[in-house]
C-alpha cells in the first residue's frame, strides 16, 4: 500500500490555506494547517508532518523564525511560499534550512511537482542500508544520519542527497546543473544558485574552515567534487 503523506500548510491567509488544503487532499495527501510560525511549531511537534509548506511573512512568528527553531529538532523538508522577489530573501530561507521555494502567485501544478520531487528524494534518502565513510565522516543511508568525528550532524533532505551523491562518487566533478537535476528530477526549472547555497551550508557543517574545504571542493568553471 502506497504511503499517504501528511503536509503542514502554514500561512496567515485563510483563503490560501483553504485552497491548498482542498487541492492537496484531492491529490491524495493528508493536511494540517497553521496560521503563524508559533502555531506551526506546536502542530509540527505534535503531529510530525512529512513536509511543510511555509509562508514567510506572518504575524507572531514569521517563516524565518520557524525554520531557525524547527531545524534544531527536525530535518522534515520545508518548501517556502514567498511573495518576496528579492534573491537575498530566498537565499536566507535556504541558508536557514529550507529545501526549496515557490514564489507567489504560483500555479498549483507547479507546486505539486515540487512537493512530489522533494518527497521522492526524501524516500531515496531513506532507501538502502549501507554506511558511506570517508575520514571522520560517516553517512548512514538508512538512518539518514551523518556523524563527523563521532558527533551527529543534522542535514536537510537536500543536503543529505547531495552529500550522498558526492560520497558515492568521489573525485567525480558534478556540474551545478547535474546537482540541481539530482534534487529536482527535471520536474521544474530551478536556479543553479540554489546549489551554491546548499553547498555553502554543507561546508559550514562539515568543514573546520569552510574557506579552505577538506571535503567538497570547487572545480572552477565546472562545478564541485568530493575530495578523497
N, C-alpha and C. Protein backbone atom coordinates (compact mmCIF):
# COMPACT_ATOMS: atom_id res chain seq x y z
N UNK A 1 0.84 -1.20 0.00
CA UNK A 1 0.00 0.00 0.00
C UNK A 1 0.88 1.25 0.00
N UNK A 2 0.59 2.17 -0.90
CA UNK A 2 1.40 3.38 -1.02
C UNK A 2 1.22 4.27 0.20
N UNK A 3 2.34 4.84 0.65
CA UNK A 3 2.29 5.70 1.83
C UNK A 3 1.48 6.95 1.54
N UNK A 4 0.70 7.38 2.51
CA UNK A 4 -0.06 8.62 2.41
C UNK A 4 0.66 9.68 3.23
N UNK A 5 1.15 10.70 2.56
CA UNK A 5 1.95 11.73 3.21
C UNK A 5 1.07 12.80 3.84
N UNK A 6 1.60 13.39 4.92
CA UNK A 6 0.91 14.50 5.59
C UNK A 6 1.71 15.77 5.38
N UNK A 7 1.00 16.82 4.93
CA UNK A 7 1.64 18.11 4.64
C UNK A 7 1.07 19.17 5.57
N UNK A 8 1.95 19.90 6.23
CA UNK A 8 1.55 21.02 7.08
C UNK A 8 1.60 22.30 6.25
N UNK A 9 0.47 22.99 6.15
CA UNK A 9 0.36 24.25 5.40
C UNK A 9 0.37 25.40 6.40
N UNK A 10 1.33 26.30 6.25
CA UNK A 10 1.47 27.41 7.20
C UNK A 10 1.36 28.73 6.46
N UNK A 11 0.27 29.45 6.67
CA UNK A 11 0.05 30.74 6.03
C UNK A 11 -1.01 31.48 6.83
N UNK A 12 -0.85 32.78 6.96
CA UNK A 12 -1.82 33.55 7.75
C UNK A 12 -3.06 33.93 6.95
N UNK A 13 -3.06 33.64 5.65
CA UNK A 13 -4.23 33.96 4.81
C UNK A 13 -5.11 32.72 4.69
N UNK A 14 -6.33 32.82 5.24
CA UNK A 14 -7.25 31.69 5.25
C UNK A 14 -7.57 31.21 3.85
N UNK A 15 -7.69 32.15 2.90
CA UNK A 15 -8.04 31.76 1.52
C UNK A 15 -6.97 30.85 0.92
N UNK A 16 -5.70 31.12 1.24
CA UNK A 16 -4.61 30.31 0.70
C UNK A 16 -4.57 28.93 1.36
N UNK A 17 -4.68 28.90 2.70
CA UNK A 17 -4.62 27.61 3.38
C UNK A 17 -5.80 26.72 2.97
N UNK A 18 -6.97 27.34 2.81
CA UNK A 18 -8.14 26.55 2.41
C UNK A 18 -7.99 26.01 1.00
N UNK A 19 -7.49 26.84 0.08
CA UNK A 19 -7.28 26.42 -1.30
C UNK A 19 -6.28 25.27 -1.36
N UNK A 20 -5.15 25.42 -0.65
CA UNK A 20 -4.13 24.38 -0.68
C UNK A 20 -4.60 23.10 0.00
N UNK A 21 -5.33 23.26 1.08
CA UNK A 21 -5.86 22.10 1.80
C UNK A 21 -6.76 21.28 0.88
N UNK A 22 -7.70 21.94 0.22
CA UNK A 22 -8.65 21.23 -0.67
C UNK A 22 -7.91 20.59 -1.84
N UNK A 23 -6.97 21.32 -2.43
CA UNK A 23 -6.26 20.80 -3.59
C UNK A 23 -5.39 19.60 -3.22
N UNK A 24 -4.62 19.72 -2.16
CA UNK A 24 -3.72 18.64 -1.78
C UNK A 24 -4.47 17.39 -1.33
N UNK A 25 -5.59 17.57 -0.67
CA UNK A 25 -6.38 16.42 -0.27
C UNK A 25 -6.98 15.72 -1.50
N UNK A 26 -7.33 16.49 -2.52
CA UNK A 26 -7.79 15.90 -3.79
C UNK A 26 -6.69 15.08 -4.45
N UNK A 27 -5.42 15.48 -4.20
CA UNK A 27 -4.28 14.79 -4.78
C UNK A 27 -3.80 13.61 -3.93
N UNK A 28 -4.50 13.33 -2.84
CA UNK A 28 -4.18 12.15 -2.05
C UNK A 28 -3.33 12.39 -0.82
N UNK A 29 -3.18 13.65 -0.41
CA UNK A 29 -2.39 13.96 0.79
C UNK A 29 -3.32 14.21 1.98
N UNK A 30 -2.81 13.95 3.17
CA UNK A 30 -3.44 14.44 4.39
C UNK A 30 -2.85 15.82 4.68
N UNK A 31 -3.61 16.69 5.31
CA UNK A 31 -3.13 18.05 5.55
C UNK A 31 -3.35 18.49 6.98
N UNK A 32 -2.48 19.39 7.41
CA UNK A 32 -2.60 20.11 8.67
C UNK A 32 -2.46 21.59 8.32
N UNK A 33 -3.00 22.46 9.17
CA UNK A 33 -2.98 23.90 8.87
C UNK A 33 -2.58 24.68 10.12
N UNK A 34 -1.74 25.71 9.91
CA UNK A 34 -1.39 26.65 10.97
C UNK A 34 -1.32 28.05 10.37
N UNK A 35 -1.64 29.07 11.18
CA UNK A 35 -1.72 30.43 10.63
C UNK A 35 -0.53 31.31 11.01
N UNK A 36 0.44 30.78 11.73
CA UNK A 36 1.68 31.53 12.01
C UNK A 36 2.75 30.55 12.48
N UNK A 37 3.98 31.04 12.57
CA UNK A 37 5.08 30.17 12.91
C UNK A 37 4.97 29.54 14.28
N UNK A 38 4.40 30.27 15.24
CA UNK A 38 4.28 29.74 16.60
C UNK A 38 3.32 28.55 16.63
N UNK A 39 2.16 28.70 15.99
CA UNK A 39 1.21 27.60 15.93
C UNK A 39 1.76 26.44 15.10
N UNK A 40 2.55 26.77 14.08
CA UNK A 40 3.15 25.74 13.24
C UNK A 40 4.12 24.88 14.04
N UNK A 41 4.89 25.50 14.93
CA UNK A 41 5.82 24.74 15.78
C UNK A 41 5.06 23.72 16.63
N UNK A 42 3.98 24.18 17.23
CA UNK A 42 3.18 23.29 18.07
C UNK A 42 2.64 22.13 17.24
N UNK A 43 2.06 22.45 16.08
CA UNK A 43 1.46 21.43 15.22
C UNK A 43 2.50 20.45 14.72
N UNK A 44 3.65 20.95 14.27
CA UNK A 44 4.69 20.08 13.73
C UNK A 44 5.24 19.15 14.80
N UNK A 45 5.42 19.66 16.01
CA UNK A 45 5.97 18.84 17.09
C UNK A 45 5.01 17.73 17.51
N UNK A 46 3.73 17.98 17.43
CA UNK A 46 2.75 17.02 17.92
C UNK A 46 2.21 16.08 16.84
N UNK A 47 2.27 16.49 15.58
CA UNK A 47 1.66 15.68 14.51
C UNK A 47 2.66 15.14 13.50
N UNK A 48 3.92 15.58 13.54
CA UNK A 48 5.00 15.01 12.73
C UNK A 48 4.65 14.94 11.24
N UNK A 49 4.47 16.08 10.56
CA UNK A 49 4.18 16.04 9.12
C UNK A 49 5.38 15.53 8.33
N UNK A 50 5.12 15.11 7.10
CA UNK A 50 6.18 14.64 6.21
C UNK A 50 6.83 15.78 5.44
N UNK A 51 6.10 16.89 5.28
CA UNK A 51 6.61 18.05 4.54
C UNK A 51 5.85 19.28 5.01
N UNK A 52 6.51 20.44 4.94
CA UNK A 52 5.90 21.69 5.40
C UNK A 52 5.94 22.71 4.28
N UNK A 53 4.77 23.30 3.98
CA UNK A 53 4.67 24.45 3.08
C UNK A 53 4.59 25.68 3.97
N UNK A 54 5.54 26.60 3.82
CA UNK A 54 5.71 27.66 4.82
C UNK A 54 5.75 29.05 4.20
N UNK A 55 4.78 29.87 4.57
CA UNK A 55 4.81 31.28 4.19
C UNK A 55 5.90 31.99 5.00
N UNK A 56 6.45 33.06 4.44
CA UNK A 56 7.49 33.80 5.14
C UNK A 56 6.91 34.90 6.01
N UNK A 57 6.08 35.76 5.42
CA UNK A 57 5.58 36.92 6.14
C UNK A 57 4.30 36.59 6.89
N UNK A 58 4.42 36.42 8.22
CA UNK A 58 3.28 36.09 9.07
C UNK A 58 3.41 36.79 10.41
N UNK A 59 2.30 37.01 11.12
CA UNK A 59 2.36 37.63 12.44
C UNK A 59 2.86 36.65 13.49
N UNK A 60 3.25 37.19 14.66
CA UNK A 60 3.70 36.44 15.84
C UNK A 60 5.05 35.77 15.64
N UNK A 61 5.17 34.92 14.63
CA UNK A 61 6.47 34.35 14.27
C UNK A 61 6.47 34.11 12.77
N UNK A 62 7.44 34.73 12.06
CA UNK A 62 7.45 34.57 10.61
C UNK A 62 8.12 33.25 10.22
N UNK A 63 8.19 33.01 8.90
CA UNK A 63 8.74 31.76 8.43
C UNK A 63 10.19 31.56 8.79
N UNK A 64 10.97 32.63 8.74
CA UNK A 64 12.38 32.52 9.10
C UNK A 64 12.56 32.08 10.56
N UNK A 65 11.75 32.67 11.44
CA UNK A 65 11.82 32.30 12.85
C UNK A 65 11.45 30.85 13.07
N UNK A 66 10.45 30.38 12.32
CA UNK A 66 10.04 28.98 12.44
C UNK A 66 11.17 28.05 12.03
N UNK A 67 11.78 28.32 10.85
CA UNK A 67 12.84 27.44 10.36
C UNK A 67 14.00 27.39 11.35
N UNK A 68 14.38 28.55 11.85
CA UNK A 68 15.53 28.62 12.74
C UNK A 68 15.34 27.74 13.97
N UNK A 69 14.11 27.71 14.49
CA UNK A 69 13.83 26.88 15.67
C UNK A 69 13.62 25.42 15.30
N UNK A 70 12.85 25.17 14.25
CA UNK A 70 12.46 23.80 13.92
C UNK A 70 13.63 22.98 13.39
N UNK A 71 14.56 23.62 12.70
CA UNK A 71 15.71 22.89 12.17
C UNK A 71 16.62 22.35 13.27
N UNK A 72 16.47 22.84 14.48
CA UNK A 72 17.27 22.32 15.59
C UNK A 72 16.75 20.96 16.06
N UNK A 73 15.54 20.59 15.63
CA UNK A 73 14.95 19.36 16.13
C UNK A 73 14.43 18.43 15.03
N UNK A 74 14.40 18.87 13.78
CA UNK A 74 13.84 18.03 12.73
C UNK A 74 14.43 18.38 11.37
N UNK A 75 14.59 17.37 10.51
CA UNK A 75 15.03 17.60 9.14
C UNK A 75 13.89 17.42 8.15
N UNK A 76 12.64 17.48 8.60
CA UNK A 76 11.49 17.40 7.69
C UNK A 76 11.63 18.46 6.61
N UNK A 77 11.43 18.10 5.34
CA UNK A 77 11.61 19.08 4.27
C UNK A 77 10.63 20.25 4.36
N UNK A 78 11.14 21.43 3.98
CA UNK A 78 10.36 22.66 4.02
C UNK A 78 10.43 23.35 2.67
N UNK A 79 9.27 23.69 2.12
CA UNK A 79 9.18 24.49 0.90
C UNK A 79 8.60 25.84 1.27
N UNK A 80 9.33 26.90 0.96
CA UNK A 80 8.86 28.25 1.27
C UNK A 80 7.84 28.74 0.26
N UNK A 81 6.81 29.39 0.75
CA UNK A 81 5.84 30.09 -0.10
C UNK A 81 6.08 31.58 0.10
N UNK A 82 6.73 32.22 -0.86
CA UNK A 82 7.16 33.59 -0.64
C UNK A 82 6.65 34.54 -1.71
N UNK A 83 6.17 35.70 -1.26
CA UNK A 83 5.77 36.75 -2.18
C UNK A 83 6.94 37.67 -2.48
N UNK A 84 8.04 37.48 -1.76
CA UNK A 84 9.21 38.34 -1.95
C UNK A 84 9.99 37.88 -3.17
N UNK A 85 10.41 38.83 -3.99
CA UNK A 85 11.11 38.51 -5.21
C UNK A 85 12.62 38.67 -5.08
N UNK A 86 13.08 39.31 -4.00
CA UNK A 86 14.50 39.55 -3.85
C UNK A 86 15.25 38.25 -3.64
N UNK A 87 16.36 38.08 -4.37
CA UNK A 87 17.15 36.86 -4.29
C UNK A 87 17.66 36.61 -2.87
N UNK A 88 18.02 37.70 -2.16
CA UNK A 88 18.58 37.51 -0.83
C UNK A 88 17.57 36.92 0.15
N UNK A 89 16.27 37.19 -0.06
CA UNK A 89 15.25 36.62 0.82
C UNK A 89 15.16 35.11 0.64
N UNK A 90 15.25 34.67 -0.62
CA UNK A 90 15.20 33.24 -0.90
C UNK A 90 16.46 32.56 -0.36
N UNK A 91 17.61 33.20 -0.58
CA UNK A 91 18.87 32.64 -0.09
C UNK A 91 18.86 32.52 1.43
N UNK A 92 18.30 33.52 2.10
CA UNK A 92 18.21 33.47 3.56
C UNK A 92 17.42 32.25 4.00
N UNK A 93 16.29 32.00 3.36
CA UNK A 93 15.49 30.82 3.70
C UNK A 93 16.25 29.53 3.50
N UNK A 94 16.97 29.42 2.39
CA UNK A 94 17.77 28.22 2.12
C UNK A 94 18.90 28.08 3.12
N UNK A 95 19.52 29.20 3.46
CA UNK A 95 20.61 29.16 4.45
C UNK A 95 20.12 28.66 5.80
N UNK A 96 18.90 29.01 6.16
CA UNK A 96 18.35 28.59 7.45
C UNK A 96 17.95 27.12 7.45
N UNK A 97 17.76 26.54 6.25
CA UNK A 97 17.45 25.11 6.20
C UNK A 97 16.26 24.71 5.36
N UNK A 98 15.68 25.67 4.60
CA UNK A 98 14.60 25.30 3.68
C UNK A 98 15.17 24.49 2.53
N UNK A 99 14.33 23.65 1.92
CA UNK A 99 14.78 22.82 0.81
C UNK A 99 14.48 23.44 -0.54
N UNK A 100 13.45 24.26 -0.62
CA UNK A 100 13.06 24.85 -1.90
C UNK A 100 12.14 26.03 -1.63
N UNK A 101 11.80 26.76 -2.67
CA UNK A 101 10.86 27.86 -2.52
C UNK A 101 10.00 27.99 -3.77
N UNK A 102 8.79 28.51 -3.59
CA UNK A 102 7.87 28.81 -4.68
C UNK A 102 7.43 30.26 -4.49
N UNK A 103 7.53 31.04 -5.56
CA UNK A 103 7.18 32.46 -5.47
C UNK A 103 5.71 32.67 -5.79
N UNK A 104 5.02 33.39 -4.92
CA UNK A 104 3.61 33.74 -5.15
C UNK A 104 3.52 34.84 -6.21
N UNK A 105 2.49 34.82 -7.06
CA UNK A 105 1.48 33.75 -7.19
C UNK A 105 2.07 32.55 -7.92
N UNK A 106 1.68 31.36 -7.50
CA UNK A 106 2.22 30.15 -8.10
C UNK A 106 1.08 29.30 -8.65
N UNK A 107 1.41 28.46 -9.61
CA UNK A 107 0.44 27.52 -10.15
C UNK A 107 0.38 26.28 -9.28
N UNK A 108 -0.80 25.72 -9.11
CA UNK A 108 -0.95 24.54 -8.25
C UNK A 108 -0.21 23.34 -8.83
N UNK A 109 -0.18 23.23 -10.16
CA UNK A 109 0.53 22.11 -10.79
C UNK A 109 2.02 22.20 -10.52
N UNK A 110 2.57 23.42 -10.58
CA UNK A 110 4.00 23.60 -10.28
C UNK A 110 4.29 23.24 -8.83
N UNK A 111 3.45 23.72 -7.93
CA UNK A 111 3.65 23.42 -6.51
C UNK A 111 3.60 21.92 -6.26
N UNK A 112 2.64 21.25 -6.88
CA UNK A 112 2.51 19.80 -6.71
C UNK A 112 3.76 19.08 -7.22
N UNK A 113 4.30 19.53 -8.34
CA UNK A 113 5.52 18.92 -8.88
C UNK A 113 6.68 19.07 -7.92
N UNK A 114 6.80 20.23 -7.30
CA UNK A 114 7.89 20.45 -6.35
C UNK A 114 7.70 19.60 -5.09
N UNK A 115 6.47 19.50 -4.62
CA UNK A 115 6.20 18.67 -3.45
C UNK A 115 6.59 17.22 -3.74
N UNK A 116 6.18 16.70 -4.89
CA UNK A 116 6.47 15.31 -5.23
C UNK A 116 7.97 15.08 -5.41
N UNK A 117 8.66 16.06 -5.99
CA UNK A 117 10.10 15.93 -6.18
C UNK A 117 10.82 15.86 -4.83
N UNK A 118 10.42 16.74 -3.90
CA UNK A 118 11.06 16.74 -2.57
C UNK A 118 10.77 15.44 -1.83
N UNK A 119 9.53 14.95 -1.92
CA UNK A 119 9.18 13.70 -1.24
C UNK A 119 9.90 12.51 -1.87
N UNK A 120 10.10 12.53 -3.18
CA UNK A 120 10.83 11.44 -3.83
C UNK A 120 12.27 11.38 -3.35
N UNK A 121 12.92 12.54 -3.26
CA UNK A 121 14.30 12.50 -2.82
C UNK A 121 14.41 12.18 -1.32
N UNK A 122 13.36 12.49 -0.57
CA UNK A 122 13.34 12.06 0.83
C UNK A 122 13.25 10.54 0.90
N UNK A 123 12.42 9.94 0.05
CA UNK A 123 12.30 8.48 0.02
C UNK A 123 13.61 7.85 -0.41
N UNK A 124 14.27 8.45 -1.39
CA UNK A 124 15.56 7.93 -1.84
C UNK A 124 16.58 7.96 -0.70
N UNK A 125 16.53 9.03 0.08
CA UNK A 125 17.48 9.15 1.18
C UNK A 125 17.27 8.07 2.23
N UNK A 126 16.04 7.54 2.30
CA UNK A 126 15.73 6.53 3.31
C UNK A 126 15.90 5.10 2.82
N UNK A 127 16.24 4.93 1.52
CA UNK A 127 16.44 3.60 0.98
C UNK A 127 17.85 3.10 1.28
N UNK A 128 17.99 1.80 1.32
CA UNK A 128 19.32 1.22 1.47
C UNK A 128 19.71 1.06 2.93
N UNK A 129 20.80 0.34 3.13
CA UNK A 129 21.26 0.09 4.49
C UNK A 129 22.74 0.35 4.65
N UNK A 130 23.41 0.80 3.57
CA UNK A 130 24.85 0.94 3.64
C UNK A 130 25.24 2.19 4.41
N UNK A 131 26.48 2.17 4.86
CA UNK A 131 27.07 3.32 5.51
C UNK A 131 28.28 3.75 4.68
N UNK A 132 28.28 5.02 4.27
CA UNK A 132 29.39 5.56 3.49
C UNK A 132 30.35 6.25 4.45
N UNK A 133 31.64 5.96 4.30
CA UNK A 133 32.63 6.52 5.22
C UNK A 133 33.77 7.15 4.44
N UNK A 134 34.24 8.25 4.97
CA UNK A 134 35.46 8.86 4.47
C UNK A 134 36.07 9.69 5.59
N UNK A 135 37.29 9.33 5.98
CA UNK A 135 37.92 10.06 7.08
C UNK A 135 37.05 10.04 8.32
N UNK A 136 36.76 11.22 8.85
CA UNK A 136 35.92 11.34 10.05
C UNK A 136 34.44 11.36 9.74
N UNK A 137 34.08 11.29 8.44
CA UNK A 137 32.68 11.33 8.04
C UNK A 137 32.10 9.94 7.94
N UNK A 138 30.87 9.77 8.47
CA UNK A 138 30.14 8.52 8.37
C UNK A 138 28.69 8.84 8.05
N UNK A 139 28.23 8.42 6.86
CA UNK A 139 26.87 8.73 6.41
C UNK A 139 26.06 7.44 6.38
N UNK A 140 25.11 7.32 7.30
CA UNK A 140 24.24 6.15 7.39
C UNK A 140 23.01 6.40 6.53
N UNK A 141 22.91 5.68 5.40
CA UNK A 141 21.83 5.94 4.44
C UNK A 141 20.46 5.62 5.03
N UNK A 142 20.33 4.45 5.66
CA UNK A 142 19.03 4.02 6.17
C UNK A 142 18.56 4.90 7.32
N UNK A 143 19.47 5.23 8.21
CA UNK A 143 19.10 6.03 9.38
C UNK A 143 19.04 7.51 9.08
N UNK A 144 19.47 7.90 7.87
CA UNK A 144 19.51 9.31 7.50
C UNK A 144 20.30 10.10 8.54
N UNK A 145 21.50 9.59 8.84
CA UNK A 145 22.29 10.20 9.90
C UNK A 145 23.73 10.41 9.44
N UNK A 146 24.25 11.60 9.72
CA UNK A 146 25.65 11.90 9.44
C UNK A 146 26.38 12.10 10.76
N UNK A 147 27.55 11.49 10.85
CA UNK A 147 28.41 11.71 12.01
C UNK A 147 29.75 12.24 11.54
N UNK A 148 30.25 13.24 12.23
CA UNK A 148 31.57 13.80 11.96
C UNK A 148 32.40 13.66 13.23
N UNK A 149 33.41 12.81 13.15
CA UNK A 149 34.26 12.52 14.31
C UNK A 149 33.41 12.07 15.50
N UNK A 150 32.37 11.25 15.21
CA UNK A 150 31.53 10.71 16.26
C UNK A 150 30.40 11.62 16.71
N UNK A 151 30.36 12.85 16.19
CA UNK A 151 29.31 13.80 16.57
C UNK A 151 28.25 13.86 15.49
N UNK A 152 26.98 13.75 15.88
CA UNK A 152 25.87 13.77 14.94
C UNK A 152 25.69 15.17 14.34
N UNK A 153 25.52 15.22 13.02
CA UNK A 153 25.32 16.48 12.30
C UNK A 153 23.98 16.42 11.59
N UNK A 154 23.09 17.36 11.85
CA UNK A 154 21.77 17.38 11.22
C UNK A 154 21.87 17.91 9.79
N UNK A 155 21.25 17.18 8.86
CA UNK A 155 21.21 17.60 7.46
C UNK A 155 19.76 17.72 7.00
N UNK A 156 19.50 18.68 6.13
CA UNK A 156 18.21 18.73 5.45
C UNK A 156 18.19 17.62 4.40
N UNK A 157 17.01 17.22 3.90
CA UNK A 157 16.96 16.20 2.85
C UNK A 157 17.79 16.56 1.62
N UNK A 158 17.78 17.84 1.24
CA UNK A 158 18.57 18.26 0.08
C UNK A 158 20.06 18.10 0.34
N UNK A 159 20.51 18.52 1.50
CA UNK A 159 21.92 18.38 1.86
C UNK A 159 22.32 16.91 1.91
N UNK A 160 21.43 16.07 2.43
CA UNK A 160 21.71 14.64 2.53
C UNK A 160 21.90 14.03 1.15
N UNK A 161 21.00 14.34 0.22
CA UNK A 161 21.08 13.79 -1.13
C UNK A 161 22.38 14.22 -1.80
N UNK A 162 22.74 15.48 -1.66
CA UNK A 162 23.97 15.97 -2.29
C UNK A 162 25.21 15.31 -1.69
N UNK A 163 25.26 15.21 -0.38
CA UNK A 163 26.43 14.60 0.25
C UNK A 163 26.52 13.11 -0.11
N UNK A 164 25.38 12.43 -0.15
CA UNK A 164 25.39 11.02 -0.55
C UNK A 164 25.91 10.88 -1.97
N UNK A 165 25.47 11.74 -2.86
CA UNK A 165 25.92 11.70 -4.25
C UNK A 165 27.43 11.89 -4.33
N UNK A 166 27.94 12.87 -3.60
CA UNK A 166 29.39 13.11 -3.59
C UNK A 166 30.16 11.91 -3.04
N UNK A 167 29.69 11.36 -1.91
CA UNK A 167 30.44 10.29 -1.26
C UNK A 167 30.35 8.98 -2.04
N UNK A 168 29.28 8.78 -2.80
CA UNK A 168 29.16 7.57 -3.61
C UNK A 168 30.06 7.64 -4.86
N UNK A 169 30.38 8.85 -5.29
CA UNK A 169 31.20 9.00 -6.49
C UNK A 169 32.32 10.02 -6.24
N UNK A 170 33.22 9.70 -5.33
CA UNK A 170 34.30 10.64 -5.02
C UNK A 170 35.18 10.88 -6.25
N UNK A 171 35.73 12.06 -6.31
CA UNK A 171 36.59 12.54 -7.40
C UNK A 171 35.83 12.93 -8.66
N UNK A 172 34.57 12.51 -8.79
CA UNK A 172 33.80 12.92 -9.97
C UNK A 172 33.38 14.38 -9.82
N UNK A 173 33.53 15.15 -10.88
CA UNK A 173 33.10 16.54 -10.88
C UNK A 173 31.64 16.60 -11.32
N UNK A 174 30.79 17.18 -10.46
CA UNK A 174 29.38 17.38 -10.78
C UNK A 174 29.15 18.84 -11.13
N UNK A 175 28.52 19.10 -12.25
CA UNK A 175 28.15 20.48 -12.58
C UNK A 175 26.98 20.89 -11.70
N UNK A 176 26.75 22.18 -11.59
CA UNK A 176 25.62 22.67 -10.80
C UNK A 176 24.30 22.17 -11.39
N UNK A 177 24.23 22.09 -12.71
CA UNK A 177 23.01 21.61 -13.35
C UNK A 177 22.76 20.15 -13.01
N UNK A 178 23.81 19.32 -12.99
CA UNK A 178 23.65 17.91 -12.62
C UNK A 178 23.17 17.77 -11.19
N UNK A 179 23.72 18.59 -10.30
CA UNK A 179 23.30 18.53 -8.90
C UNK A 179 21.86 19.01 -8.74
N UNK A 180 21.50 20.03 -9.50
CA UNK A 180 20.12 20.53 -9.46
C UNK A 180 19.15 19.46 -9.95
N UNK A 181 19.52 18.77 -11.01
CA UNK A 181 18.67 17.72 -11.55
C UNK A 181 18.56 16.55 -10.57
N UNK A 182 19.63 16.28 -9.83
CA UNK A 182 19.59 15.20 -8.83
C UNK A 182 18.58 15.51 -7.74
N UNK A 183 18.41 16.79 -7.43
CA UNK A 183 17.45 17.19 -6.40
C UNK A 183 16.04 17.29 -6.96
N UNK A 184 15.91 17.81 -8.15
CA UNK A 184 14.59 18.17 -8.65
C UNK A 184 14.05 17.24 -9.73
N UNK A 185 14.90 16.38 -10.27
CA UNK A 185 14.47 15.34 -11.20
C UNK A 185 13.70 15.88 -12.39
N UNK A 186 14.10 17.05 -12.87
CA UNK A 186 13.52 17.62 -14.10
C UNK A 186 12.03 17.92 -14.01
N UNK A 187 11.47 17.98 -12.81
CA UNK A 187 10.05 18.28 -12.70
C UNK A 187 9.77 19.75 -12.97
N UNK A 188 10.74 20.61 -12.79
CA UNK A 188 10.54 22.04 -13.00
C UNK A 188 11.89 22.70 -13.11
N UNK A 189 11.90 23.91 -13.60
CA UNK A 189 13.14 24.66 -13.69
C UNK A 189 13.48 25.24 -12.33
N UNK A 190 14.76 25.22 -11.99
CA UNK A 190 15.19 25.80 -10.74
C UNK A 190 16.40 26.67 -10.97
N UNK A 191 16.87 27.32 -9.93
CA UNK A 191 18.03 28.19 -10.02
C UNK A 191 19.28 27.44 -9.59
N UNK A 192 20.34 27.51 -10.40
CA UNK A 192 21.59 26.87 -10.02
C UNK A 192 22.19 27.52 -8.78
N UNK A 193 21.76 28.75 -8.48
CA UNK A 193 22.23 29.39 -7.25
C UNK A 193 21.77 28.63 -6.01
N UNK A 194 20.65 27.90 -6.14
CA UNK A 194 20.18 27.06 -5.04
C UNK A 194 21.26 26.06 -4.64
N UNK A 195 21.94 25.48 -5.63
CA UNK A 195 23.02 24.53 -5.35
C UNK A 195 24.15 25.22 -4.59
N UNK A 196 24.51 26.42 -5.01
CA UNK A 196 25.58 27.15 -4.31
C UNK A 196 25.25 27.30 -2.83
N UNK A 197 24.00 27.60 -2.54
CA UNK A 197 23.59 27.79 -1.14
C UNK A 197 23.67 26.48 -0.37
N UNK A 198 23.19 25.38 -0.97
CA UNK A 198 23.25 24.08 -0.29
C UNK A 198 24.70 23.66 -0.04
N UNK A 199 25.58 23.91 -1.01
CA UNK A 199 27.00 23.55 -0.84
C UNK A 199 27.61 24.39 0.27
N UNK A 200 27.27 25.67 0.31
CA UNK A 200 27.78 26.54 1.37
C UNK A 200 27.31 26.06 2.74
N UNK A 201 26.06 25.64 2.82
CA UNK A 201 25.54 25.13 4.09
C UNK A 201 26.24 23.83 4.50
N UNK A 202 26.46 22.95 3.53
CA UNK A 202 27.17 21.70 3.82
C UNK A 202 28.58 21.98 4.34
N UNK A 203 29.27 22.89 3.68
CA UNK A 203 30.63 23.21 4.12
C UNK A 203 30.64 23.79 5.53
N UNK A 204 29.65 24.60 5.83
CA UNK A 204 29.59 25.19 7.16
C UNK A 204 29.42 24.11 8.23
N UNK A 205 28.74 23.01 7.86
CA UNK A 205 28.51 21.93 8.81
C UNK A 205 29.68 20.94 8.87
N UNK A 206 30.39 20.78 7.74
CA UNK A 206 31.40 19.73 7.65
C UNK A 206 32.83 20.22 7.84
N UNK A 207 33.11 21.40 7.36
CA UNK A 207 34.49 21.84 7.23
C UNK A 207 34.98 22.60 8.47
N UNK A 208 36.18 22.28 8.95
CA UNK A 208 36.77 23.09 10.02
C UNK A 208 36.94 24.54 9.60
N UNK A 209 37.31 24.75 8.34
CA UNK A 209 37.42 26.09 7.76
C UNK A 209 36.76 26.06 6.39
N UNK A 210 35.48 26.50 6.29
CA UNK A 210 34.75 26.42 5.02
C UNK A 210 35.45 27.14 3.86
N UNK A 211 36.32 28.10 4.16
CA UNK A 211 37.01 28.82 3.09
C UNK A 211 38.11 27.98 2.45
N UNK A 212 38.59 26.97 3.17
CA UNK A 212 39.58 26.04 2.61
C UNK A 212 39.04 24.62 2.83
N UNK A 213 38.05 24.21 2.04
CA UNK A 213 37.34 22.95 2.29
C UNK A 213 38.22 21.72 2.14
N UNK A 214 38.00 20.78 3.04
CA UNK A 214 38.70 19.50 3.01
C UNK A 214 37.90 18.42 2.30
N UNK A 215 36.59 18.61 2.21
CA UNK A 215 35.73 17.56 1.66
C UNK A 215 35.14 17.94 0.30
N UNK A 216 34.40 19.04 0.24
CA UNK A 216 33.72 19.42 -1.00
C UNK A 216 34.51 20.54 -1.67
N UNK A 217 35.07 20.21 -2.81
CA UNK A 217 36.00 21.11 -3.50
C UNK A 217 35.31 21.77 -4.69
N UNK A 218 35.56 23.06 -4.88
CA UNK A 218 35.09 23.76 -6.07
C UNK A 218 36.08 23.54 -7.21
N UNK A 219 35.56 23.10 -8.34
CA UNK A 219 36.36 22.97 -9.56
C UNK A 219 35.94 24.12 -10.46
N UNK A 220 36.73 25.16 -10.50
CA UNK A 220 36.33 26.40 -11.13
C UNK A 220 35.96 26.21 -12.59
N UNK A 221 34.81 26.75 -12.94
CA UNK A 221 34.29 26.65 -14.30
C UNK A 221 33.55 25.37 -14.58
N UNK A 222 33.57 24.41 -13.63
CA UNK A 222 32.93 23.12 -13.86
C UNK A 222 31.87 22.79 -12.82
N UNK A 223 32.21 22.89 -11.55
CA UNK A 223 31.25 22.54 -10.51
C UNK A 223 31.92 22.15 -9.22
N UNK A 224 31.51 21.00 -8.65
CA UNK A 224 32.03 20.56 -7.36
C UNK A 224 32.38 19.07 -7.40
N UNK A 225 33.30 18.67 -6.51
CA UNK A 225 33.60 17.25 -6.35
C UNK A 225 33.99 16.99 -4.89
N UNK A 226 33.86 15.70 -4.54
CA UNK A 226 34.23 15.27 -3.19
C UNK A 226 35.67 14.82 -3.22
N UNK A 227 36.48 15.43 -2.38
CA UNK A 227 37.91 15.12 -2.33
C UNK A 227 38.12 13.81 -1.57
N UNK A 228 38.89 12.92 -2.15
CA UNK A 228 39.13 11.63 -1.49
C UNK A 228 40.62 11.29 -1.56
